[in-house]
Amino acid sequence: MSGCRVFFQFRGHGRSDPPPASADYADLAADLRAIADHFGATRALGASLGAGALLRLLEHTPDRFDRIVAYLPAVLDAPRPAPAAARSRELLAALLAGDQPTAARLLAERVPPALRDSPEARRTLADQLIWLLDGGLAPGLGELSELAAVTDSSALAAVTARALVIGCRGDDAHPVAVAESLAAVLPLSSLHVYAEPAVLWTARADLRGRIAGFLNAA
């Protein structure tokens, strides 16, 4: 496929500008739309929070993209379950307070237990912790854990893009039921569900190949 790949950070992530005091998915969708329009993007990949922003954009502009990938969507038109939202708030609070032990523990919980002591996991977690503690997130993002991504998921039935929805079992922060519901409402979608969580650790090569093959298809 000809063209280029564009990676960007939403407001409040990394060195980007801070979001409004109470950021919501409409703000994220506006950021995504601005970047997509600037570069003339025709295909899009959204992961977790990014998937929510992508869906919010498509709720109002269902013909904006030709192909989309929603990887581990966390919410549709209902907020996250209370335990998942609480863990997100706990991690953000630890990062903003500079509480390295708590933040390190919560990040490590995302890695399969059998891999947590591996050199790669130690190195990756250390890099993540440094990046996140060094201004990696903004306080306003805490509100997002309480919000739904779209106002009416049935509006996504008008989406014209071919879609690949990817979920996994056993991930409380990204319930497989959300991926299944999304795939059911998108008219031109396929669904792939991994059998266990932490896909980036357990099936990275398969995930990359699956996404690249879909987005590069004619």
Foldseek 3Di string as FASTA:
>chain_A
DDDDDDDDDQAFFFPHHHDPLADELVSRLVVVVVVCVVRVAQEEEAEASGLLNVVANCLVVQARHAEYEYELHQAAQAAAPPVLLVLVLQLLVCLVVVVLVSNLVSVLVQDPPVCCPPPVNVVVSVVVSVRSNVSRGDPNCSNHNHGHSYNDLLSLLSRNHQYEYEEEPPDSRRHVVRSVVNQVNHPRYDYDYHDHGSCCNVPVVVVVVVVCVRVPDD
